[in-house]
Full PDB file with SEQRES, HELIX, SHEET, SSBOND, CRYST1, ORIGX, SCALE, CONECT and MASTER records, all heavy atoms in Angstrom:
SEQRES   1 A   38  VAL GLU GLY PHE ARG PRO GLY ILE MET GLU LYS LEU GLY          
SEQRES   2 A   38  LEU GLY PRO GLU VAL CYS LEU ALA ARG ASN PRO ARG LEU          
SEQRES   3 A   38  VAL PHE GLY ARG MET THR GLY TRP GLY GLN GLU GLY              
HELIX    1 AA1 ILE A    8  LEU A   12  1                                   5    
HELIX    2 AA2 PRO A   16  ARG A   22  1                                   7    
CRYST1    1.000    1.000    1.000  90.00  90.00  90.00 P 1           1          
ORIGX1      1.000000  0.000000  0.000000        0.00000                         
ORIGX2      0.000000  1.000000  0.000000        0.00000                         
ORIGX3      0.000000  0.000000  1.000000        0.00000                         
SCALE1      1.000000  0.000000  0.000000        0.00000                         
SCALE2      0.000000  1.000000  0.000000        0.00000                         
SCALE3      0.000000  0.000000  1.000000        0.00000                         
ATOM      1  N   VAL A   1       0.844  -1.188   0.000  1.00  0.00           N  
ATOM      2  CA  VAL A   1       0.000   0.000   0.000  1.00  0.00           C  
ATOM      3  C   VAL A   1       0.881   1.240   0.000  1.00  0.00           C  
ATOM      4  O   VAL A   1       1.940   1.269   0.640  1.00  0.00           O  
ATOM      5  CB  VAL A   1      -0.955   0.026   1.213  1.00  0.00           C  
ATOM      6  CG1 VAL A   1      -1.956  -1.105   1.129  1.00  0.00           C  
ATOM      7  CG2 VAL A   1      -0.203  -0.033   2.538  1.00  0.00           C  
ATOM      8  N   GLU A   2       0.450   2.256  -0.755  1.00  0.00           N  
ATOM      9  CA  GLU A   2       1.207   3.506  -0.852  1.00  0.00           C  
ATOM     10  C   GLU A   2       0.231   4.658  -1.007  1.00  0.00           C  
ATOM     11  O   GLU A   2      -0.903   4.471  -1.426  1.00  0.00           O  
ATOM     12  CB  GLU A   2       2.186   3.454  -2.030  1.00  0.00           C  
ATOM     13  CG  GLU A   2       1.569   3.178  -3.390  1.00  0.00           C  
ATOM     14  CD  GLU A   2       1.247   4.442  -4.181  1.00  0.00           C  
ATOM     15  OE1 GLU A   2       1.575   5.543  -3.698  1.00  0.00           O  
ATOM     16  OE2 GLU A   2       0.682   4.310  -5.278  1.00  0.00           O  
ATOM     17  N   GLY A   3       0.701   5.869  -0.656  1.00  0.00           N  
ATOM     18  CA  GLY A   3      -0.183   7.019  -0.678  1.00  0.00           C  
ATOM     19  C   GLY A   3       0.400   8.236  -1.358  1.00  0.00           C  
ATOM     20  O   GLY A   3       0.089   9.370  -0.981  1.00  0.00           O  
ATOM     21  N   PHE A   4       1.247   8.018  -2.381  1.00  0.00           N  
ATOM     22  CA  PHE A   4       1.833   9.133  -3.114  1.00  0.00           C  
ATOM     23  C   PHE A   4       0.883   9.633  -4.206  1.00  0.00           C  
ATOM     24  O   PHE A   4      -0.087   8.973  -4.563  1.00  0.00           O  
ATOM     25  CB  PHE A   4       3.149   8.714  -3.760  1.00  0.00           C  
ATOM     26  CG  PHE A   4       4.245   8.380  -2.780  1.00  0.00           C  
ATOM     27  CD1 PHE A   4       5.023   7.246  -2.950  1.00  0.00           C  
ATOM     28  CD2 PHE A   4       4.504   9.202  -1.697  1.00  0.00           C  
ATOM     29  CE1 PHE A   4       6.042   6.932  -2.065  1.00  0.00           C  
ATOM     30  CE2 PHE A   4       5.523   8.893  -0.797  1.00  0.00           C  
ATOM     31  CZ  PHE A   4       6.291   7.756  -0.987  1.00  0.00           C  
ATOM     32  N   ARG A   5       1.209  10.791  -4.774  1.00  0.00           N  
ATOM     33  CA  ARG A   5       0.477  11.251  -5.946  1.00  0.00           C  
ATOM     34  C   ARG A   5       0.704  10.268  -7.096  1.00  0.00           C  
ATOM     35  O   ARG A   5       1.737   9.578  -7.154  1.00  0.00           O  
ATOM     36  CB  ARG A   5       0.973  12.636  -6.383  1.00  0.00           C  
ATOM     37  CG  ARG A   5       0.622  13.756  -5.438  1.00  0.00           C  
ATOM     38  CD  ARG A   5       0.776  15.105  -6.131  1.00  0.00           C  
ATOM     39  NE  ARG A   5       1.060  16.164  -5.175  1.00  0.00           N  
ATOM     40  CZ  ARG A   5       1.076  17.458  -5.482  1.00  0.00           C  
ATOM     41  NH1 ARG A   5       0.843  17.838  -6.729  1.00  0.00           N  
ATOM     42  NH2 ARG A   5       1.343  18.371  -4.564  1.00  0.00           N  
ATOM     43  N   PRO A   6      -0.229  10.196  -8.032  1.00  0.00           N  
ATOM     44  CA  PRO A   6      -0.057   9.278  -9.165  1.00  0.00           C  
ATOM     45  C   PRO A   6       1.272   9.521  -9.883  1.00  0.00           C  
ATOM     46  O   PRO A   6       1.659  10.662 -10.142  1.00  0.00           O  
ATOM     47  CB  PRO A   6      -1.244   9.620 -10.076  1.00  0.00           C  
ATOM     48  CG  PRO A   6      -2.289  10.130  -9.142  1.00  0.00           C  
ATOM     49  CD  PRO A   6      -1.540  10.880  -8.084  1.00  0.00           C  
ATOM     50  N   GLY A   7       1.981   8.434 -10.155  1.00  0.00           N  
ATOM     51  CA  GLY A   7       3.229   8.507 -10.905  1.00  0.00           C  
ATOM     52  C   GLY A   7       4.480   8.525 -10.056  1.00  0.00           C  
ATOM     53  O   GLY A   7       5.575   8.242 -10.567  1.00  0.00           O  
ATOM     54  N   ILE A   8       4.372   8.845  -8.766  1.00  0.00           N  
ATOM     55  CA  ILE A   8       5.566   8.938  -7.926  1.00  0.00           C  
ATOM     56  C   ILE A   8       6.204   7.561  -7.734  1.00  0.00           C  
ATOM     57  O   ILE A   8       7.432   7.415  -7.829  1.00  0.00           O  
ATOM     58  CB  ILE A   8       5.234   9.567  -6.560  1.00  0.00           C  
ATOM     59  CG1 ILE A   8       4.743  11.001  -6.739  1.00  0.00           C  
ATOM     60  CG2 ILE A   8       6.448   9.515  -5.646  1.00  0.00           C  
ATOM     61  CD1 ILE A   8       5.751  11.921  -7.380  1.00  0.00           C  
ATOM     62  N   MET A   9       5.399   6.554  -7.470  1.00  0.00           N  
ATOM     63  CA  MET A   9       5.961   5.212  -7.303  1.00  0.00           C  
ATOM     64  C   MET A   9       6.639   4.741  -8.590  1.00  0.00           C  
ATOM     65  O   MET A   9       7.678   4.072  -8.546  1.00  0.00           O  
ATOM     66  CB  MET A   9       4.874   4.232  -6.879  1.00  0.00           C  
ATOM     67  CG  MET A   9       4.394   4.400  -5.451  1.00  0.00           C  
ATOM     68  SD  MET A   9       5.600   3.901  -4.203  1.00  0.00           S  
ATOM     69  CE  MET A   9       5.421   2.110  -4.251  1.00  0.00           C  
ATOM     70  N   GLU A  10       6.077   5.097  -9.725  1.00  0.00           N  
ATOM     71  CA  GLU A  10       6.705   4.730 -11.004  1.00  0.00           C  
ATOM     72  C   GLU A  10       8.061   5.409 -11.148  1.00  0.00           C  
ATOM     73  O   GLU A  10       9.041   4.793 -11.603  1.00  0.00           O  
ATOM     74  CB  GLU A  10       5.785   5.131 -12.168  1.00  0.00           C  
ATOM     75  CG  GLU A  10       4.569   4.230 -12.344  1.00  0.00           C  
ATOM     76  CD  GLU A  10       3.406   4.557 -11.425  1.00  0.00           C  
ATOM     77  OE1 GLU A  10       3.581   5.411 -10.514  1.00  0.00           O  
ATOM     78  OE2 GLU A  10       2.324   3.983 -11.603  1.00  0.00           O  
ATOM     79  N   LYS A  11       8.149   6.687 -10.746  1.00  0.00           N  
ATOM     80  CA  LYS A  11       9.420   7.404 -10.840  1.00  0.00           C  
ATOM     81  C   LYS A  11      10.472   6.805  -9.912  1.00  0.00           C  
ATOM     82  O   LYS A  11      11.671   6.817 -10.230  1.00  0.00           O  
ATOM     83  CB  LYS A  11       9.206   8.875 -10.500  1.00  0.00           C  
ATOM     84  CG  LYS A  11       8.433   9.649 -11.559  1.00  0.00           C  
ATOM     85  CD  LYS A  11       8.273  11.114 -11.158  1.00  0.00           C  
ATOM     86  CE  LYS A  11       7.481  11.877 -12.210  1.00  0.00           C  
ATOM     87  NZ  LYS A  11       7.292  13.306 -11.820  1.00  0.00           N  
ATOM     88  N   LEU A  12      10.019   6.270  -8.797  1.00  0.00           N  
ATOM     89  CA  LEU A  12      10.958   5.648  -7.859  1.00  0.00           C  
ATOM     90  C   LEU A  12      11.440   4.291  -8.345  1.00  0.00           C  
ATOM     91  O   LEU A  12      12.436   3.767  -7.841  1.00  0.00           O  
ATOM     92  CB  LEU A  12      10.283   5.465  -6.492  1.00  0.00           C  
ATOM     93  CG  LEU A  12      10.006   6.728  -5.679  1.00  0.00           C  
ATOM     94  CD1 LEU A  12       9.154   6.403  -4.461  1.00  0.00           C  
ATOM     95  CD2 LEU A  12      11.315   7.395  -5.247  1.00  0.00           C  
ATOM     96  N   GLY A  13      10.733   3.721  -9.321  1.00  0.00           N  
ATOM     97  CA  GLY A  13      11.051   2.361  -9.761  1.00  0.00           C  
ATOM     98  C   GLY A  13      10.290   1.318  -8.986  1.00  0.00           C  
ATOM     99  O   GLY A  13      10.690   0.143  -8.951  1.00  0.00           O  
ATOM    100  N   LEU A  14       9.161   1.733  -8.362  1.00  0.00           N  
ATOM    101  CA  LEU A  14       8.357   0.818  -7.557  1.00  0.00           C  
ATOM    102  C   LEU A  14       6.894   0.807  -8.007  1.00  0.00           C  
ATOM    103  O   LEU A  14       5.999   0.514  -7.221  1.00  0.00           O  
ATOM    104  CB  LEU A  14       8.422   1.217  -6.074  1.00  0.00           C  
ATOM    105  CG  LEU A  14       9.758   0.998  -5.367  1.00  0.00           C  
ATOM    106  CD1 LEU A  14       9.735   1.643  -3.983  1.00  0.00           C  
ATOM    107  CD2 LEU A  14      10.073  -0.483  -5.260  1.00  0.00           C  
ATOM    108  N   GLY A  15       6.668   1.126  -9.271  1.00  0.00           N  
ATOM    109  CA  GLY A  15       5.308   1.146  -9.784  1.00  0.00           C  
ATOM    110  C   GLY A  15       4.712  -0.247  -9.882  1.00  0.00           C  
ATOM    111  O   GLY A  15       5.393  -1.269  -9.725  1.00  0.00           O  
ATOM    112  N   PRO A  16       3.404  -0.322 -10.168  1.00  0.00           N  
ATOM    113  CA  PRO A  16       2.729  -1.622 -10.232  1.00  0.00           C  
ATOM    114  C   PRO A  16       3.354  -2.601 -11.221  1.00  0.00           C  
ATOM    115  O   PRO A  16       3.453  -3.792 -10.918  1.00  0.00           O  
ATOM    116  CB  PRO A  16       1.298  -1.249 -10.638  1.00  0.00           C  
ATOM    117  CG  PRO A  16       1.127   0.158 -10.191  1.00  0.00           C  
ATOM    118  CD  PRO A  16       2.469   0.796 -10.343  1.00  0.00           C  
ATOM    119  N   GLU A  17       3.750  -2.124 -12.392  1.00  0.00           N  
ATOM    120  CA  GLU A  17       4.322  -3.043 -13.390  1.00  0.00           C  
ATOM    121  C   GLU A  17       5.588  -3.701 -12.867  1.00  0.00           C  
ATOM    122  O   GLU A  17       5.786  -4.915 -13.020  1.00  0.00           O  
ATOM    123  CB  GLU A  17       4.606  -2.299 -14.696  1.00  0.00           C  
ATOM    124  CG  GLU A  17       3.341  -1.892 -15.454  1.00  0.00           C  
ATOM    125  CD  GLU A  17       3.661  -1.325 -16.819  1.00  0.00           C  
ATOM    126  OE1 GLU A  17       4.862  -1.349 -17.197  1.00  0.00           O  
ATOM    127  OE2 GLU A  17       2.733  -0.860 -17.497  1.00  0.00           O  
ATOM    128  N   VAL A  18       6.444  -2.899 -12.236  1.00  0.00           N  
ATOM    129  CA  VAL A  18       7.700  -3.439 -11.714  1.00  0.00           C  
ATOM    130  C   VAL A  18       7.424  -4.421 -10.575  1.00  0.00           C  
ATOM    131  O   VAL A  18       7.980  -5.531 -10.532  1.00  0.00           O  
ATOM    132  CB  VAL A  18       8.615  -2.296 -11.224  1.00  0.00           C  
ATOM    133  CG1 VAL A  18       9.850  -2.860 -10.534  1.00  0.00           C  
ATOM    134  CG2 VAL A  18       9.016  -1.403 -12.384  1.00  0.00           C  
ATOM    135  N   CYS A  19       6.553  -4.019  -9.654  1.00  0.00           N  
ATOM    136  CA  CYS A  19       6.281  -4.868  -8.490  1.00  0.00           C  
ATOM    137  C   CYS A  19       5.560  -6.155  -8.881  1.00  0.00           C  
ATOM    138  O   CYS A  19       5.873  -7.236  -8.365  1.00  0.00           O  
ATOM    139  CB  CYS A  19       5.468  -4.088  -7.463  1.00  0.00           C  
ATOM    140  SG  CYS A  19       6.399  -2.780  -6.615  1.00  0.00           S  
ATOM    141  N   LEU A  20       4.591  -6.063  -9.798  1.00  0.00           N  
ATOM    142  CA  LEU A  20       3.872  -7.264 -10.221  1.00  0.00           C  
ATOM    143  C   LEU A  20       4.758  -8.188 -11.039  1.00  0.00           C  
ATOM    144  O   LEU A  20       4.546  -9.400 -11.070  1.00  0.00           O  
ATOM    145  CB  LEU A  20       2.621  -6.869 -10.998  1.00  0.00           C  
ATOM    146  CG  LEU A  20       1.468  -6.356 -10.127  1.00  0.00           C  
ATOM    147  CD1 LEU A  20       0.424  -5.646 -10.967  1.00  0.00           C  
ATOM    148  CD2 LEU A  20       0.833  -7.496  -9.357  1.00  0.00           C  
ATOM    149  N   ALA A  21       5.778  -7.627 -11.698  1.00  0.00           N  
ATOM    150  CA  ALA A  21       6.735  -8.486 -12.409  1.00  0.00           C  
ATOM    151  C   ALA A  21       7.544  -9.317 -11.415  1.00  0.00           C  
ATOM    152  O   ALA A  21       7.897 -10.468 -11.701  1.00  0.00           O  
ATOM    153  CB  ALA A  21       7.665  -7.632 -13.280  1.00  0.00           C  
ATOM    154  N   ARG A  22       7.819  -8.732 -10.262  1.00  0.00           N  
ATOM    155  CA  ARG A  22       8.562  -9.470  -9.233  1.00  0.00           C  
ATOM    156  C   ARG A  22       7.648 -10.414  -8.452  1.00  0.00           C  
ATOM    157  O   ARG A  22       8.113 -11.418  -7.905  1.00  0.00           O  
ATOM    158  CB  ARG A  22       9.223  -8.472  -8.263  1.00  0.00           C  
ATOM    159  CG  ARG A  22      10.239  -7.543  -8.902  1.00  0.00           C  
ATOM    160  CD  ARG A  22      11.539  -8.245  -9.261  1.00  0.00           C  
ATOM    161  NE  ARG A  22      12.383  -8.469  -8.113  1.00  0.00           N  
ATOM    162  CZ  ARG A  22      13.425  -7.701  -7.784  1.00  0.00           C  
ATOM    163  NH1 ARG A  22      13.752  -6.653  -8.540  1.00  0.00           N  
ATOM    164  NH2 ARG A  22      14.159  -7.991  -6.738  1.00  0.00           N  
ATOM    165  N   ASN A  23       6.359 -10.088  -8.379  1.00  0.00           N  
ATOM    166  CA  ASN A  23       5.413 -10.896  -7.608  1.00  0.00           C  
ATOM    167  C   ASN A  23       4.036 -10.798  -8.267  1.00  0.00           C  
ATOM    168  O   ASN A  23       3.251  -9.899  -7.949  1.00  0.00           O  
ATOM    169  CB  ASN A  23       5.353 -10.410  -6.156  1.00  0.00           C  
ATOM    170  CG  ASN A  23       4.417 -11.245  -5.296  1.00  0.00           C  
ATOM    171  OD1 ASN A  23       3.711 -12.116  -5.785  1.00  0.00           O  
ATOM    172  ND2 ASN A  23       4.399 -10.959  -4.002  1.00  0.00           N  
ATOM    173  N   PRO A  24       3.701 -11.697  -9.195  1.00  0.00           N  
ATOM    174  CA  PRO A  24       2.436 -11.597  -9.947  1.00  0.00           C  
ATOM    175  C   PRO A  24       1.184 -11.682  -9.093  1.00  0.00           C  
ATOM    176  O   PRO A  24       0.109 -11.273  -9.547  1.00  0.00           O  
ATOM    177  CB  PRO A  24       2.523 -12.792 -10.916  1.00  0.00           C  
ATOM    178  CG  PRO A  24       3.980 -13.100 -11.027  1.00  0.00           C  
ATOM    179  CD  PRO A  24       4.551 -12.806  -9.677  1.00  0.00           C  
ATOM    180  N   ARG A  25       1.283 -12.184  -7.881  1.00  0.00           N  
ATOM    181  CA  ARG A  25       0.109 -12.295  -7.007  1.00  0.00           C  
ATOM    182  C   ARG A  25      -0.084 -11.062  -6.126  1.00  0.00           C  
ATOM    183  O   ARG A  25      -1.020 -11.001  -5.334  1.00  0.00           O  
ATOM    184  CB  ARG A  25       0.232 -13.532  -6.101  1.00  0.00           C  
ATOM    185  CG  ARG A  25       0.230 -14.867  -6.824  1.00  0.00           C  
ATOM    186  CD  ARG A  25       0.424 -16.016  -5.830  1.00  0.00           C  
ATOM    187  NE  ARG A  25      -0.646 -16.038  -4.831  1.00  0.00           N  
ATOM    188  CZ  ARG A  25      -1.752 -16.770  -4.934  1.00  0.00           C  
ATOM    189  NH1 ARG A  25      -1.926 -17.540  -6.001  1.00  0.00           N  
ATOM    190  NH2 ARG A  25      -2.671 -16.742  -3.988  1.00  0.00           N  
ATOM    191  N   LEU A  26       0.770 -10.073  -6.277  1.00  0.00           N  
ATOM    192  CA  LEU A  26       0.751  -8.915  -5.387  1.00  0.00           C  
ATOM    193  C   LEU A  26      -0.490  -8.053  -5.599  1.00  0.00           C  
ATOM    194  O   LEU A  26      -0.872  -7.748  -6.724  1.00  0.00           O  
ATOM    195  CB  LEU A  26       2.001  -8.057  -5.621  1.00  0.00           C  
ATOM    196  CG  LEU A  26       2.164  -6.869  -4.673  1.00  0.00           C  
ATOM    197  CD1 LEU A  26       2.648  -7.333  -3.308  1.00  0.00           C  
ATOM    198  CD2 LEU A  26       3.144  -5.843  -5.257  1.00  0.00           C  
ATOM    199  N   VAL A  27      -1.103  -7.651  -4.503  1.00  0.00           N  
ATOM    200  CA  VAL A  27      -2.159  -6.643  -4.523  1.00  0.00           C  
ATOM    201  C   VAL A  27      -1.499  -5.292  -4.263  1.00  0.00           C  
ATOM    202  O   VAL A  27      -0.822  -5.115  -3.241  1.00  0.00           O  
ATOM    203  CB  VAL A  27      -3.233  -6.938  -3.461  1.00  0.00           C  
ATOM    204  CG1 VAL A  27      -4.194  -5.770  -3.330  1.00  0.00           C  
ATOM    205  CG2 VAL A  27      -3.980  -8.215  -3.809  1.00  0.00           C  
ATOM    206  N   PHE A  28      -1.684  -4.358  -5.184  1.00  0.00           N  
ATOM    207  CA  PHE A  28      -1.013  -3.061  -5.120  1.00  0.00           C  
ATOM    208  C   PHE A  28      -2.055  -1.998  -4.774  1.00  0.00           C  
ATOM    209  O   PHE A  28      -2.807  -1.542  -5.626  1.00  0.00           O  
ATOM    210  CB  PHE A  28      -0.351  -2.758  -6.469  1.00  0.00           C  
ATOM    211  CG  PHE A  28       0.695  -1.673  -6.436  1.00  0.00           C  
ATOM    212  CD1 PHE A  28       2.040  -2.001  -6.476  1.00  0.00           C  
ATOM    213  CD2 PHE A  28       0.332  -0.339  -6.389  1.00  0.00           C  
ATOM    214  CE1 PHE A  28       3.012  -1.002  -6.464  1.00  0.00           C  
ATOM    215  CE2 PHE A  28       1.283   0.660  -6.368  1.00  0.00           C  
ATOM    216  CZ  PHE A  28       2.628   0.330  -6.406  1.00  0.00           C  
ATOM    217  N   GLY A  29      -2.119  -1.608  -3.496  1.00  0.00           N  
ATOM    218  CA  GLY A  29      -3.115  -0.648  -3.041  1.00  0.00           C  
ATOM    219  C   GLY A  29      -2.609   0.780  -3.124  1.00  0.00           C  
ATOM    220  O   GLY A  29      -1.566   1.110  -2.568  1.00  0.00           O  
ATOM    221  N   ARG A  30      -3.380   1.638  -3.809  1.00  0.00           N  
ATOM    222  CA  ARG A  30      -2.987   3.025  -4.004  1.00  0.00           C  
ATOM    223  C   ARG A  30      -3.998   3.945  -3.333  1.00  0.00           C  
ATOM    224  O   ARG A  30      -5.194   3.867  -3.588  1.00  0.00           O  
ATOM    225  CB  ARG A  30      -2.884   3.346  -5.493  1.00  0.00           C  
ATOM    226  CG  ARG A  30      -2.167   2.282  -6.313  1.00  0.00           C  
ATOM    227  CD  ARG A  30      -1.681   2.785  -7.645  1.00  0.00           C  
ATOM    228  NE  ARG A  30      -0.438   3.542  -7.493  1.00  0.00           N  
ATOM    229  CZ  ARG A  30       0.341   3.899  -8.527  1.00  0.00           C  
ATOM    230  NH1 ARG A  30       0.003   3.579  -9.766  1.00  0.00           N  
ATOM    231  NH2 ARG A  30       1.446   4.579  -8.321  1.00  0.00           N  
ATOM    232  N   MET A  31      -3.514   4.848  -2.469  1.00  0.00           N  
ATOM    233  CA  MET A  31      -4.365   5.772  -1.727  1.00  0.00           C  
ATOM    234  C   MET A  31      -4.067   7.194  -2.172  1.00  0.00           C  
ATOM    235  O   MET A  31      -2.971   7.707  -1.978  1.00  0.00           O  
ATOM    236  CB  MET A  31      -4.082   5.628  -0.229  1.00  0.00           C  
ATOM    237  CG  MET A  31      -4.923   6.515   0.683  1.00  0.00           C  
ATOM    238  SD  MET A  31      -6.590   5.890   0.917  1.00  0.00           S  
ATOM    239  CE  MET A  31      -7.514   6.842  -0.287  1.00  0.00           C  
ATOM    240  N   THR A  32      -5.055   7.840  -2.806  1.00  0.00           N  
ATOM    241  CA  THR A  32      -4.904   9.229  -3.219  1.00  0.00           C  
ATOM    242  C   THR A  32      -6.165   9.994  -2.864  1.00  0.00           C  
ATOM    243  O   THR A  32      -7.177   9.424  -2.460  1.00  0.00           O  
ATOM    244  CB  THR A  32      -4.663   9.347  -4.732  1.00  0.00           C  
ATOM    245  OG1 THR A  32      -5.797   8.811  -5.426  1.00  0.00           O  
ATOM    246  CG2 THR A  32      -3.403   8.625  -5.164  1.00  0.00           C  
ATOM    247  N   GLY A  33      -6.110  11.310  -3.052  1.00  0.00           N  
ATOM    248  CA  GLY A  33      -7.285  12.123  -2.825  1.00  0.00           C  
ATOM    249  C   GLY A  33      -8.231  12.122  -4.002  1.00  0.00           C  
ATOM    250  O   GLY A  33      -9.437  11.949  -3.861  1.00  0.00           O  
ATOM    251  N   TRP A  34      -7.659  12.295  -5.218  1.00  0.00           N  
ATOM    252  CA  TRP A  34      -8.475  12.475  -6.413  1.00  0.00           C  
ATOM    253  C   TRP A  34      -8.533  11.250  -7.312  1.00  0.00           C  
ATOM    254  O   TRP A  34      -9.283  11.242  -8.291  1.00  0.00           O  
ATOM    255  CB  TRP A  34      -7.941  13.654  -7.231  1.00  0.00           C  
ATOM    256  CG  TRP A  34      -7.784  14.931  -6.474  1.00  0.00           C  
ATOM    257  CD1 TRP A  34      -6.610  15.552  -6.148  1.00  0.00           C  
ATOM    258  CD2 TRP A  34      -8.824  15.773  -5.945  1.00  0.00           C  
ATOM    259  NE1 TRP A  34      -6.844  16.715  -5.465  1.00  0.00           N  
ATOM    260  CE2 TRP A  34      -8.203  16.884  -5.327  1.00  0.00           C  
ATOM    261  CE3 TRP A  34     -10.223  15.697  -5.933  1.00  0.00           C  
ATOM    262  CZ2 TRP A  34      -8.921  17.898  -4.707  1.00  0.00           C  
ATOM    263  CZ3 TRP A  34     -10.940  16.712  -5.320  1.00  0.00           C  
ATOM    264  CH2 TRP A  34     -10.297  17.798  -4.717  1.00  0.00           C  
ATOM    265  N   GLY A  35      -7.748  10.216  -7.040  1.00  0.00           N  
ATOM    266  CA  GLY A  35      -7.729   9.046  -7.905  1.00  0.00           C  
ATOM    267  C   GLY A  35      -6.520   9.055  -8.829  1.00  0.00           C  
ATOM    268  O   GLY A  35      -5.758  10.015  -8.887  1.00  0.00           O  
ATOM    269  N   GLN A  36      -6.368   7.969  -9.572  1.00  0.00           N  
ATOM    270  CA  GLN A  36      -5.193   7.794 -10.430  1.00  0.00           C  
ATOM    271  C   GLN A  36      -5.300   8.528 -11.763  1.00  0.00           C  
ATOM    272  O   GLN A  36      -4.306   8.681 -12.459  1.00  0.00           O  
ATOM    273  CB  GLN A  36      -4.955   6.301 -10.678  1.00  0.00           C  
ATOM    274  CG  GLN A  36      -4.560   5.532  -9.434  1.00  0.00           C  
ATOM    275  CD  GLN A  36      -3.261   6.013  -8.834  1.00  0.00           C  
ATOM    276  OE1 GLN A  36      -2.267   6.169  -9.528  1.00  0.00           O  
ATOM    277  NE2 GLN A  36      -3.256   6.262  -7.523  1.00  0.00           N  
ATOM    278  N   GLU A  37      -6.498   8.972 -12.136  1.00  0.00           N  
ATOM    279  CA  GLU A  37      -6.635   9.727 -13.374  1.00  0.00           C  
ATOM    280  C   GLU A  37      -7.705  10.786 -13.190  1.00  0.00           C  
ATOM    281  O   GLU A  37      -8.363  10.851 -12.154  1.00  0.00           O  
ATOM    282  CB  GLU A  37      -6.985   8.818 -14.563  1.00  0.00           C  
ATOM    283  CG  GLU A  37      -8.387   8.226 -14.533  1.00  0.00           C  
ATOM    284  CD  GLU A  37      -8.515   7.061 -13.579  1.00  0.00           C  
ATOM    285  OE1 GLU A  37      -7.605   6.220 -13.527  1.00  0.00           O  
ATOM    286  OE2 GLU A  37      -9.557   7.000 -12.879  1.00  0.00           O  
ATOM    287  N   GLY A  38      -7.883  11.622 -14.202  1.00  0.00           N  
ATOM    288  CA  GLY A  38      -8.824  12.728 -14.123  1.00  0.00           C  
ATOM    289  C   GLY A  38      -8.092  14.046 -14.037  1.00  0.00           C  
ATOM    290  O   GLY A  38      -6.901  14.096 -13.698  1.00  0.00           O  
TER     291      GLY A  38                                                      
MASTER        0    0    0    2    0    0    0    6  290    1    0    3          
END                                                                             
């Protein structure tokens, strides 16, 4: 679970694609105010 603005985890190298590649069963919980798009 993480609570950064959209895109920050990707910039760190810890985005969903990278993490799910290391662990395909991983649930990636994202907490934001406005959502991941819009």
